[in-house]
N, C-alpha and C. Protein backbone atom coordinates (compact mmCIF):
# COMPACT_ATOMS: atom_id res chain seq x y z
N MET A 1 12.20 3.86 0.12
CA MET A 1 11.72 2.50 -0.11
C MET A 1 12.46 1.56 0.85
N ILE A 2 11.75 0.56 1.30
CA ILE A 2 12.28 -0.43 2.23
C ILE A 2 13.42 -1.23 1.56
N SER A 3 14.39 -1.66 2.34
CA SER A 3 15.47 -2.50 1.82
C SER A 3 15.02 -3.96 1.85
N ARG A 4 15.73 -4.80 1.12
CA ARG A 4 15.38 -6.22 1.13
C ARG A 4 15.54 -6.80 2.54
N GLU A 5 16.59 -6.41 3.23
CA GLU A 5 16.81 -6.91 4.58
C GLU A 5 15.65 -6.54 5.50
N GLU A 6 15.19 -5.29 5.40
CA GLU A 6 14.04 -4.86 6.20
C GLU A 6 12.79 -5.63 5.79
N ALA A 7 12.64 -5.90 4.50
CA ALA A 7 11.49 -6.66 4.01
C ALA A 7 11.50 -8.08 4.56
N ILE A 8 12.66 -8.71 4.57
CA ILE A 8 12.78 -10.07 5.12
C ILE A 8 12.40 -10.05 6.61
N ASN A 9 12.88 -9.06 7.33
CA ASN A 9 12.54 -8.95 8.76
C ASN A 9 11.04 -8.79 8.97
N LEU A 10 10.40 -7.97 8.12
CA LEU A 10 8.94 -7.80 8.20
C LEU A 10 8.21 -9.11 7.91
N LEU A 11 8.68 -9.82 6.89
CA LEU A 11 8.05 -11.10 6.57
C LEU A 11 8.09 -12.04 7.77
N HIS A 12 9.25 -12.11 8.41
CA HIS A 12 9.38 -13.00 9.58
C HIS A 12 8.51 -12.53 10.75
N LYS A 13 8.22 -11.24 10.79
CA LYS A 13 7.34 -10.72 11.84
C LYS A 13 5.89 -11.18 11.62
N TYR A 14 5.46 -11.22 10.36
CA TYR A 14 4.06 -11.50 10.06
C TYR A 14 3.77 -12.92 9.56
N LEU A 15 4.79 -13.62 9.11
CA LEU A 15 4.58 -14.98 8.62
C LEU A 15 5.41 -15.96 9.45
N SER A 16 4.75 -16.96 9.98
CA SER A 16 5.47 -17.97 10.76
C SER A 16 5.56 -19.30 10.02
N ASN A 17 4.70 -19.51 9.06
CA ASN A 17 4.68 -20.76 8.31
C ASN A 17 5.80 -20.76 7.27
N ASP A 18 6.68 -21.74 7.37
CA ASP A 18 7.84 -21.84 6.48
C ASP A 18 7.42 -21.94 5.01
N ARG A 19 6.33 -22.61 4.75
CA ARG A 19 5.84 -22.76 3.38
C ARG A 19 5.46 -21.39 2.78
N ASN A 20 4.81 -20.56 3.59
CA ASN A 20 4.44 -19.21 3.14
C ASN A 20 5.68 -18.37 2.87
N LEU A 21 6.67 -18.48 3.75
CA LEU A 21 7.92 -17.73 3.55
C LEU A 21 8.61 -18.15 2.26
N LYS A 22 8.68 -19.44 2.03
CA LYS A 22 9.33 -19.95 0.82
C LYS A 22 8.57 -19.53 -0.44
N HIS A 23 7.26 -19.50 -0.35
CA HIS A 23 6.45 -19.04 -1.49
C HIS A 23 6.82 -17.59 -1.82
N CYS A 24 6.94 -16.76 -0.81
CA CYS A 24 7.30 -15.35 -1.04
C CYS A 24 8.68 -15.23 -1.68
N LEU A 25 9.63 -16.04 -1.24
CA LEU A 25 10.97 -16.04 -1.83
C LEU A 25 10.93 -16.48 -3.29
N ALA A 26 10.08 -17.45 -3.58
CA ALA A 26 9.94 -17.95 -4.96
C ALA A 26 9.37 -16.86 -5.87
N VAL A 27 8.33 -16.19 -5.42
CA VAL A 27 7.71 -15.14 -6.23
C VAL A 27 8.68 -13.97 -6.39
N GLU A 28 9.43 -13.67 -5.35
CA GLU A 28 10.45 -12.62 -5.46
C GLU A 28 11.44 -12.94 -6.58
N ALA A 29 11.94 -14.17 -6.60
CA ALA A 29 12.93 -14.57 -7.61
C ALA A 29 12.37 -14.42 -9.02
N ILE A 30 11.13 -14.85 -9.20
CA ILE A 30 10.51 -14.75 -10.53
C ILE A 30 10.31 -13.28 -10.92
N MET A 31 9.84 -12.48 -9.98
CA MET A 31 9.61 -11.06 -10.27
C MET A 31 10.91 -10.34 -10.62
N ARG A 32 11.99 -10.66 -9.93
CA ARG A 32 13.29 -10.05 -10.24
C ARG A 32 13.73 -10.44 -11.65
N ALA A 33 13.57 -11.70 -11.99
CA ALA A 33 13.96 -12.18 -13.32
C ALA A 33 13.11 -11.52 -14.41
N LEU A 34 11.83 -11.38 -14.14
CA LEU A 34 10.95 -10.70 -15.10
C LEU A 34 11.37 -9.25 -15.29
N ALA A 35 11.68 -8.57 -14.20
CA ALA A 35 12.10 -7.17 -14.28
C ALA A 35 13.36 -7.05 -15.14
N ARG A 36 14.32 -7.96 -14.93
CA ARG A 36 15.53 -7.95 -15.76
C ARG A 36 15.19 -8.14 -17.22
N ARG A 37 14.32 -9.10 -17.48
CA ARG A 37 13.93 -9.43 -18.87
C ARG A 37 13.20 -8.27 -19.54
N LEU A 38 12.37 -7.57 -18.77
CA LEU A 38 11.52 -6.52 -19.34
C LEU A 38 12.09 -5.11 -19.19
N GLY A 39 13.27 -5.00 -18.58
CA GLY A 39 13.87 -3.68 -18.41
C GLY A 39 13.19 -2.83 -17.35
N GLU A 40 12.64 -3.49 -16.34
CA GLU A 40 11.96 -2.78 -15.24
C GLU A 40 12.87 -2.72 -14.02
N ASP A 41 12.39 -2.10 -12.96
CA ASP A 41 13.15 -1.92 -11.73
C ASP A 41 13.19 -3.25 -10.96
N GLU A 42 14.35 -3.91 -11.01
CA GLU A 42 14.49 -5.23 -10.41
C GLU A 42 14.31 -5.21 -8.89
N VAL A 43 14.79 -4.18 -8.25
CA VAL A 43 14.66 -4.08 -6.79
C VAL A 43 13.19 -3.94 -6.41
N LEU A 44 12.49 -3.02 -7.06
CA LEU A 44 11.08 -2.81 -6.75
C LEU A 44 10.26 -4.06 -7.05
N TRP A 45 10.43 -4.63 -8.23
CA TRP A 45 9.66 -5.81 -8.60
C TRP A 45 9.94 -6.96 -7.64
N GLY A 46 11.20 -7.11 -7.23
CA GLY A 46 11.54 -8.16 -6.28
C GLY A 46 10.85 -7.96 -4.95
N LEU A 47 10.84 -6.72 -4.47
CA LEU A 47 10.18 -6.43 -3.19
C LEU A 47 8.67 -6.70 -3.26
N VAL A 48 8.07 -6.37 -4.38
CA VAL A 48 6.63 -6.64 -4.56
C VAL A 48 6.37 -8.15 -4.48
N GLY A 49 7.20 -8.93 -5.14
CA GLY A 49 7.06 -10.38 -5.08
C GLY A 49 7.30 -10.91 -3.67
N LEU A 50 8.31 -10.38 -3.01
CA LEU A 50 8.66 -10.84 -1.68
C LEU A 50 7.57 -10.55 -0.65
N LEU A 51 6.94 -9.39 -0.77
CA LEU A 51 6.01 -8.92 0.26
C LEU A 51 4.53 -9.12 -0.08
N HIS A 52 4.22 -9.67 -1.23
CA HIS A 52 2.82 -9.71 -1.68
C HIS A 52 1.90 -10.49 -0.74
N ASP A 53 2.42 -11.47 -0.02
CA ASP A 53 1.59 -12.28 0.88
C ASP A 53 1.88 -12.02 2.36
N ILE A 54 2.44 -10.87 2.68
CA ILE A 54 2.83 -10.57 4.06
C ILE A 54 1.64 -10.65 5.02
N ASP A 55 0.44 -10.41 4.52
CA ASP A 55 -0.75 -10.41 5.38
C ASP A 55 -1.49 -11.75 5.40
N TYR A 56 -0.97 -12.74 4.72
CA TYR A 56 -1.71 -14.00 4.52
C TYR A 56 -2.15 -14.65 5.83
N GLU A 57 -1.28 -14.68 6.80
CA GLU A 57 -1.63 -15.30 8.09
C GLU A 57 -2.47 -14.36 8.95
N LEU A 58 -2.32 -13.06 8.74
CA LEU A 58 -3.10 -12.08 9.51
C LEU A 58 -4.58 -12.12 9.17
N VAL A 59 -4.89 -12.26 7.89
CA VAL A 59 -6.30 -12.19 7.48
C VAL A 59 -7.04 -13.49 7.72
N GLY A 60 -6.31 -14.57 7.95
CA GLY A 60 -6.94 -15.86 8.23
C GLY A 60 -7.88 -16.28 7.12
N ARG A 61 -9.08 -16.60 7.50
CA ARG A 61 -10.07 -17.10 6.52
C ARG A 61 -10.75 -15.97 5.73
N ASP A 62 -10.54 -14.75 6.13
CA ASP A 62 -11.18 -13.62 5.44
C ASP A 62 -10.30 -13.16 4.27
N LEU A 63 -10.29 -13.97 3.22
CA LEU A 63 -9.41 -13.70 2.08
C LEU A 63 -9.82 -12.46 1.29
N SER A 64 -11.00 -11.93 1.53
CA SER A 64 -11.39 -10.70 0.84
C SER A 64 -10.51 -9.53 1.27
N ARG A 65 -9.83 -9.67 2.40
CA ARG A 65 -8.95 -8.61 2.92
C ARG A 65 -7.49 -8.82 2.51
N HIS A 66 -7.18 -10.02 1.97
CA HIS A 66 -5.81 -10.36 1.59
C HIS A 66 -5.33 -9.46 0.45
N GLY A 67 -4.25 -8.78 0.68
CA GLY A 67 -3.73 -7.82 -0.29
C GLY A 67 -4.00 -6.40 0.17
N LEU A 68 -5.20 -6.18 0.68
CA LEU A 68 -5.55 -4.86 1.19
C LEU A 68 -4.83 -4.59 2.52
N VAL A 69 -4.83 -5.60 3.39
CA VAL A 69 -4.13 -5.46 4.66
C VAL A 69 -2.63 -5.33 4.40
N ALA A 70 -2.13 -6.10 3.43
CA ALA A 70 -0.71 -6.00 3.06
C ALA A 70 -0.37 -4.58 2.62
N ALA A 71 -1.20 -4.02 1.77
CA ALA A 71 -0.95 -2.66 1.28
C ALA A 71 -0.92 -1.65 2.43
N GLU A 72 -1.80 -1.85 3.42
CA GLU A 72 -1.80 -0.97 4.58
C GLU A 72 -0.52 -1.13 5.41
N LEU A 73 -0.10 -2.38 5.61
CA LEU A 73 1.12 -2.64 6.36
C LEU A 73 2.34 -2.01 5.69
N LEU A 74 2.31 -1.96 4.37
CA LEU A 74 3.47 -1.52 3.59
C LEU A 74 3.40 -0.06 3.16
N ARG A 75 2.29 0.63 3.50
CA ARG A 75 2.15 2.04 3.12
C ARG A 75 3.32 2.85 3.69
N GLY A 76 3.93 3.63 2.82
CA GLY A 76 5.09 4.42 3.20
C GLY A 76 6.41 3.69 3.02
N LEU A 77 6.34 2.37 2.82
CA LEU A 77 7.55 1.57 2.64
C LEU A 77 7.79 1.23 1.17
N LEU A 78 6.70 1.22 0.39
CA LEU A 78 6.76 0.94 -1.05
C LEU A 78 5.97 2.01 -1.78
N PRO A 79 6.30 2.28 -3.04
CA PRO A 79 5.53 3.27 -3.81
C PRO A 79 4.09 2.80 -4.06
N SER A 80 3.23 3.74 -4.39
CA SER A 80 1.81 3.43 -4.55
C SER A 80 1.53 2.41 -5.64
N ASP A 81 2.29 2.40 -6.74
CA ASP A 81 2.05 1.41 -7.79
C ASP A 81 2.34 0.00 -7.29
N ALA A 82 3.30 -0.13 -6.39
CA ALA A 82 3.60 -1.43 -5.79
C ALA A 82 2.46 -1.87 -4.87
N LEU A 83 1.95 -0.94 -4.08
CA LEU A 83 0.83 -1.25 -3.18
C LEU A 83 -0.41 -1.63 -3.98
N ASP A 84 -0.64 -0.93 -5.10
CA ASP A 84 -1.78 -1.26 -5.96
C ASP A 84 -1.65 -2.67 -6.54
N ALA A 85 -0.45 -3.04 -6.97
CA ALA A 85 -0.23 -4.37 -7.54
C ALA A 85 -0.46 -5.45 -6.47
N ILE A 86 0.02 -5.20 -5.26
CA ILE A 86 -0.18 -6.16 -4.17
C ILE A 86 -1.66 -6.30 -3.85
N GLY A 87 -2.38 -5.20 -3.82
CA GLY A 87 -3.82 -5.26 -3.59
C GLY A 87 -4.56 -5.98 -4.69
N ALA A 88 -4.12 -5.80 -5.92
CA ALA A 88 -4.82 -6.37 -7.08
C ALA A 88 -4.49 -7.84 -7.33
N HIS A 89 -3.44 -8.38 -6.70
CA HIS A 89 -3.09 -9.77 -6.99
C HIS A 89 -4.15 -10.75 -6.48
N ASN A 90 -5.03 -10.28 -5.61
CA ASN A 90 -6.14 -11.10 -5.11
C ASN A 90 -7.43 -10.51 -5.68
N GLU A 91 -8.07 -11.24 -6.59
CA GLU A 91 -9.27 -10.70 -7.24
C GLU A 91 -10.42 -10.44 -6.28
N LEU A 92 -10.39 -11.05 -5.10
CA LEU A 92 -11.45 -10.83 -4.12
C LEU A 92 -11.46 -9.40 -3.58
N THR A 93 -10.37 -8.66 -3.77
CA THR A 93 -10.31 -7.28 -3.29
C THR A 93 -11.08 -6.33 -4.21
N GLY A 94 -11.35 -6.76 -5.43
CA GLY A 94 -12.02 -5.90 -6.40
C GLY A 94 -11.10 -4.90 -7.07
N LYS A 95 -9.82 -4.94 -6.73
CA LYS A 95 -8.84 -4.03 -7.35
C LYS A 95 -8.51 -4.54 -8.75
N ALA A 96 -8.41 -3.61 -9.68
CA ALA A 96 -8.17 -3.98 -11.08
C ALA A 96 -6.69 -4.25 -11.35
N LEU A 97 -6.46 -5.26 -12.17
CA LEU A 97 -5.12 -5.49 -12.72
C LEU A 97 -5.00 -4.55 -13.90
N ASP A 98 -4.13 -3.56 -13.79
CA ASP A 98 -4.07 -2.59 -14.88
C ASP A 98 -2.66 -2.07 -15.16
N THR A 99 -1.66 -2.71 -14.57
CA THR A 99 -0.28 -2.31 -14.84
C THR A 99 0.55 -3.55 -15.11
N LYS A 100 1.69 -3.34 -15.75
CA LYS A 100 2.62 -4.44 -16.00
C LYS A 100 3.03 -5.11 -14.70
N LEU A 101 3.28 -4.30 -13.68
CA LEU A 101 3.68 -4.81 -12.38
C LEU A 101 2.60 -5.72 -11.79
N ALA A 102 1.35 -5.32 -11.90
CA ALA A 102 0.25 -6.12 -11.35
C ALA A 102 0.08 -7.42 -12.13
N TYR A 103 0.15 -7.35 -13.47
CA TYR A 103 0.06 -8.58 -14.27
C TYR A 103 1.20 -9.52 -13.94
N ALA A 104 2.40 -8.97 -13.80
CA ALA A 104 3.57 -9.80 -13.51
C ALA A 104 3.42 -10.51 -12.16
N LEU A 105 2.93 -9.78 -11.16
CA LEU A 105 2.76 -10.38 -9.83
C LEU A 105 1.73 -11.50 -9.88
N LYS A 106 0.61 -11.26 -10.51
CA LYS A 106 -0.45 -12.27 -10.58
C LYS A 106 0.05 -13.53 -11.28
N ALA A 107 0.70 -13.35 -12.43
CA ALA A 107 1.20 -14.50 -13.19
C ALA A 107 2.31 -15.23 -12.42
N SER A 108 3.19 -14.47 -11.77
CA SER A 108 4.31 -15.07 -11.02
C SER A 108 3.82 -15.87 -9.82
N ASP A 109 2.80 -15.36 -9.17
CA ASP A 109 2.21 -16.02 -8.01
C ASP A 109 1.76 -17.43 -8.39
N HIS A 110 1.15 -17.55 -9.55
CA HIS A 110 0.60 -18.84 -9.98
C HIS A 110 1.64 -19.75 -10.62
N ILE A 111 2.56 -19.20 -11.42
CA ILE A 111 3.56 -20.06 -12.06
C ILE A 111 4.48 -20.67 -11.01
N SER A 112 4.73 -19.94 -9.92
CA SER A 112 5.59 -20.50 -8.87
C SER A 112 5.00 -21.79 -8.32
N GLY A 113 3.68 -21.81 -8.14
CA GLY A 113 3.01 -23.01 -7.64
C GLY A 113 3.12 -24.17 -8.60
N LEU A 114 2.96 -23.90 -9.89
CA LEU A 114 3.03 -24.97 -10.89
C LEU A 114 4.44 -25.55 -10.97
N ILE A 115 5.44 -24.68 -10.97
CA ILE A 115 6.82 -25.17 -11.07
C ILE A 115 7.21 -25.95 -9.83
N ILE A 116 6.84 -25.47 -8.66
CA ILE A 116 7.19 -26.18 -7.43
C ILE A 116 6.45 -27.51 -7.35
N ALA A 117 5.19 -27.54 -7.76
CA ALA A 117 4.45 -28.82 -7.79
C ALA A 117 5.13 -29.80 -8.75
N THR A 118 5.62 -29.29 -9.86
CA THR A 118 6.32 -30.14 -10.83
C THR A 118 7.60 -30.70 -10.20
N ALA A 119 8.35 -29.86 -9.51
CA ALA A 119 9.58 -30.33 -8.85
C ALA A 119 9.28 -31.41 -7.83
N LEU A 120 8.17 -31.27 -7.13
CA LEU A 120 7.83 -32.22 -6.06
C LEU A 120 7.43 -33.60 -6.57
N VAL A 121 7.12 -33.73 -7.86
CA VAL A 121 6.81 -35.05 -8.41
C VAL A 121 8.01 -35.66 -9.13
N MET A 122 9.12 -34.96 -9.15
CA MET A 122 10.35 -35.49 -9.75
C MET A 122 10.95 -36.52 -8.80
N PRO A 123 11.75 -37.45 -9.31
CA PRO A 123 12.31 -38.51 -8.46
C PRO A 123 13.03 -38.01 -7.20
N ASN A 124 13.83 -36.95 -7.34
CA ASN A 124 14.58 -36.43 -6.19
C ASN A 124 14.00 -35.15 -5.62
N LYS A 125 12.84 -34.74 -6.13
CA LYS A 125 12.15 -33.54 -5.65
C LYS A 125 13.05 -32.31 -5.70
N ARG A 126 13.73 -32.12 -6.83
CA ARG A 126 14.67 -31.02 -7.01
C ARG A 126 14.32 -30.21 -8.25
N LEU A 127 14.45 -28.89 -8.13
CA LEU A 127 14.21 -28.01 -9.28
C LEU A 127 15.20 -28.29 -10.41
N SER A 128 16.39 -28.75 -10.06
CA SER A 128 17.41 -29.03 -11.07
C SER A 128 16.96 -30.14 -12.03
N GLU A 129 16.00 -30.96 -11.62
CA GLU A 129 15.49 -32.04 -12.46
C GLU A 129 14.41 -31.57 -13.44
N VAL A 130 13.87 -30.38 -13.20
CA VAL A 130 12.71 -29.90 -13.97
C VAL A 130 13.17 -29.21 -15.25
N LYS A 131 12.52 -29.55 -16.33
CA LYS A 131 12.77 -28.90 -17.63
C LYS A 131 11.53 -28.08 -17.99
N ALA A 132 11.74 -27.03 -18.76
CA ALA A 132 10.63 -26.16 -19.16
C ALA A 132 9.54 -26.97 -19.87
N GLU A 133 9.94 -27.91 -20.71
CA GLU A 133 8.96 -28.72 -21.45
C GLU A 133 8.07 -29.50 -20.49
N THR A 134 8.65 -29.96 -19.38
CA THR A 134 7.86 -30.71 -18.39
C THR A 134 6.81 -29.80 -17.75
N VAL A 135 7.21 -28.57 -17.45
CA VAL A 135 6.28 -27.62 -16.85
C VAL A 135 5.14 -27.32 -17.82
N ILE A 136 5.45 -27.17 -19.10
CA ILE A 136 4.42 -26.93 -20.12
C ILE A 136 3.46 -28.11 -20.18
N LYS A 137 3.99 -29.32 -20.13
CA LYS A 137 3.12 -30.52 -20.14
C LYS A 137 2.21 -30.52 -18.92
N LYS A 138 2.78 -30.19 -17.76
CA LYS A 138 1.98 -30.16 -16.52
C LYS A 138 0.94 -29.04 -16.57
N PHE A 139 1.29 -27.93 -17.22
CA PHE A 139 0.35 -26.83 -17.41
C PHE A 139 -0.90 -27.32 -18.14
N ARG A 140 -0.69 -28.16 -19.13
CA ARG A 140 -1.79 -28.66 -19.96
C ARG A 140 -2.60 -29.77 -19.29
N GLN A 141 -2.06 -30.36 -18.23
CA GLN A 141 -2.77 -31.41 -17.50
C GLN A 141 -3.63 -30.76 -16.41
N LYS A 142 -4.89 -30.60 -16.71
CA LYS A 142 -5.79 -29.87 -15.79
C LYS A 142 -5.96 -30.55 -14.44
N ASP A 143 -5.68 -31.86 -14.38
CA ASP A 143 -5.81 -32.57 -13.11
C ASP A 143 -4.55 -32.50 -12.26
N PHE A 144 -3.50 -31.87 -12.77
CA PHE A 144 -2.26 -31.69 -12.02
C PHE A 144 -2.26 -30.30 -11.37
N ALA A 145 -1.91 -30.24 -10.09
CA ALA A 145 -1.86 -28.97 -9.35
C ALA A 145 -3.13 -28.17 -9.60
N LYS A 146 -4.25 -28.76 -9.21
CA LYS A 146 -5.57 -28.17 -9.48
C LYS A 146 -5.76 -26.77 -8.89
N GLY A 147 -5.01 -26.44 -7.85
CA GLY A 147 -5.14 -25.12 -7.23
C GLY A 147 -4.46 -24.01 -8.02
N VAL A 148 -3.70 -24.39 -9.03
CA VAL A 148 -3.00 -23.40 -9.86
C VAL A 148 -3.93 -22.97 -10.99
N ASN A 149 -4.18 -21.68 -11.06
CA ASN A 149 -5.07 -21.15 -12.08
C ASN A 149 -4.29 -20.86 -13.35
N ARG A 150 -4.51 -21.69 -14.37
CA ARG A 150 -3.78 -21.55 -15.64
C ARG A 150 -4.07 -20.22 -16.33
N ASP A 151 -5.28 -19.71 -16.20
CA ASP A 151 -5.61 -18.42 -16.81
C ASP A 151 -4.76 -17.30 -16.23
N LYS A 152 -4.45 -17.38 -14.94
CA LYS A 152 -3.62 -16.35 -14.31
C LYS A 152 -2.19 -16.44 -14.84
N ILE A 153 -1.71 -17.64 -15.09
CA ILE A 153 -0.37 -17.81 -15.66
C ILE A 153 -0.32 -17.19 -17.06
N LEU A 154 -1.40 -17.33 -17.80
CA LEU A 154 -1.44 -16.80 -19.17
C LEU A 154 -1.46 -15.27 -19.22
N LEU A 155 -1.58 -14.63 -18.06
CA LEU A 155 -1.45 -13.17 -18.03
C LEU A 155 -0.05 -12.74 -18.47
N CYS A 156 0.87 -13.68 -18.57
CA CYS A 156 2.21 -13.36 -19.07
C CYS A 156 2.14 -12.73 -20.46
N GLY A 157 1.08 -13.02 -21.20
CA GLY A 157 0.87 -12.41 -22.51
C GLY A 157 0.75 -10.90 -22.42
N LYS A 158 0.22 -10.40 -21.30
CA LYS A 158 0.10 -8.95 -21.09
C LYS A 158 1.48 -8.31 -20.92
N LEU A 159 2.49 -9.14 -20.67
CA LEU A 159 3.86 -8.66 -20.52
C LEU A 159 4.64 -8.81 -21.82
N GLY A 160 3.97 -9.34 -22.85
CA GLY A 160 4.65 -9.56 -24.12
C GLY A 160 5.44 -10.86 -24.16
N LEU A 161 5.14 -11.78 -23.24
CA LEU A 161 5.86 -13.05 -23.18
C LEU A 161 4.93 -14.20 -23.55
N SER A 162 5.44 -15.13 -24.32
CA SER A 162 4.68 -16.36 -24.58
C SER A 162 4.73 -17.22 -23.32
N LEU A 163 3.86 -18.20 -23.25
CA LEU A 163 3.88 -19.13 -22.12
C LEU A 163 5.24 -19.79 -22.00
N GLU A 164 5.79 -20.21 -23.12
CA GLU A 164 7.08 -20.90 -23.12
C GLU A 164 8.19 -19.99 -22.57
N GLU A 165 8.20 -18.73 -23.00
CA GLU A 165 9.20 -17.77 -22.50
C GLU A 165 9.02 -17.55 -21.00
N PHE A 166 7.79 -17.40 -20.57
CA PHE A 166 7.50 -17.14 -19.16
C PHE A 166 7.93 -18.32 -18.30
N VAL A 167 7.64 -19.52 -18.75
CA VAL A 167 8.05 -20.71 -18.00
C VAL A 167 9.56 -20.77 -17.90
N GLU A 168 10.25 -20.51 -18.99
CA GLU A 168 11.72 -20.56 -19.00
C GLU A 168 12.31 -19.55 -18.02
N VAL A 169 11.85 -18.30 -18.08
CA VAL A 169 12.34 -17.25 -17.17
C VAL A 169 12.06 -17.64 -15.72
N SER A 170 10.85 -18.10 -15.46
CA SER A 170 10.43 -18.44 -14.09
C SER A 170 11.20 -19.64 -13.55
N LEU A 171 11.33 -20.67 -14.35
CA LEU A 171 12.04 -21.87 -13.92
C LEU A 171 13.50 -21.55 -13.62
N ASN A 172 14.15 -20.81 -14.50
CA ASN A 172 15.55 -20.44 -14.26
C ASN A 172 15.69 -19.61 -13.00
N ALA A 173 14.73 -18.72 -12.75
CA ALA A 173 14.77 -17.90 -11.54
C ALA A 173 14.67 -18.76 -10.29
N LEU A 174 13.78 -19.74 -10.32
CA LEU A 174 13.62 -20.60 -9.15
C LEU A 174 14.84 -21.51 -8.95
N LYS A 175 15.43 -21.94 -10.03
CA LYS A 175 16.65 -22.75 -9.90
C LYS A 175 17.77 -21.97 -9.20
N GLU A 176 17.82 -20.65 -9.45
CA GLU A 176 18.85 -19.81 -8.82
C GLU A 176 18.68 -19.73 -7.30
N VAL A 177 17.45 -19.91 -6.80
CA VAL A 177 17.21 -19.84 -5.35
C VAL A 177 16.78 -21.19 -4.78
N SER A 178 17.09 -22.25 -5.48
CA SER A 178 16.63 -23.58 -5.08
C SER A 178 17.08 -23.96 -3.67
N SER A 179 18.27 -23.56 -3.27
CA SER A 179 18.73 -23.91 -1.92
C SER A 179 17.90 -23.21 -0.85
N GLU A 180 17.51 -21.96 -1.11
CA GLU A 180 16.65 -21.23 -0.17
C GLU A 180 15.26 -21.87 -0.08
N LEU A 181 14.83 -22.46 -1.19
CA LEU A 181 13.51 -23.08 -1.24
C LEU A 181 13.53 -24.54 -0.74
N GLY A 182 14.70 -25.08 -0.57
CA GLY A 182 14.82 -26.47 -0.14
C GLY A 182 14.47 -27.43 -1.25
N LEU A 183 14.63 -26.99 -2.49
CA LEU A 183 14.29 -27.80 -3.66
C LEU A 183 15.46 -27.88 -4.62
């Protein structure tokens, strides 16, 4: 299996947009925290979060290939269940969400966006200002962060976590990497 250092180098090879890189770091942090919480492989789950969007700039406007190209790039570097989860995180691929790892990735991908959008409307634009209750309120405001799919966040239930628990785990994870995220 690929090391985190090798994964970071691969990300920099395929992603040039700083926002995309930071998104991958955010999802990695959430996935690692979820793995710890659920007793799963923290290294593997972190790598899946880190590398899930490695193909985002490669596929351009053809989002039906997003996830599939990533799985091809990562074949031999990650186990097959990780590649399946990466392929399934984009519903346009037609791949089924059918494992804990896949549900976790899908939910983490979306909660990261909601939490970061919440931080960006805080007075100092810092994750340290964000409380879990605020994220829950923003979750319920359908006109806030319209690109965030609330149904995908609710996949946390498939992991045995309530929305409140998932928000708490995710927010704490992002606070731990706030300096890397610039938030």
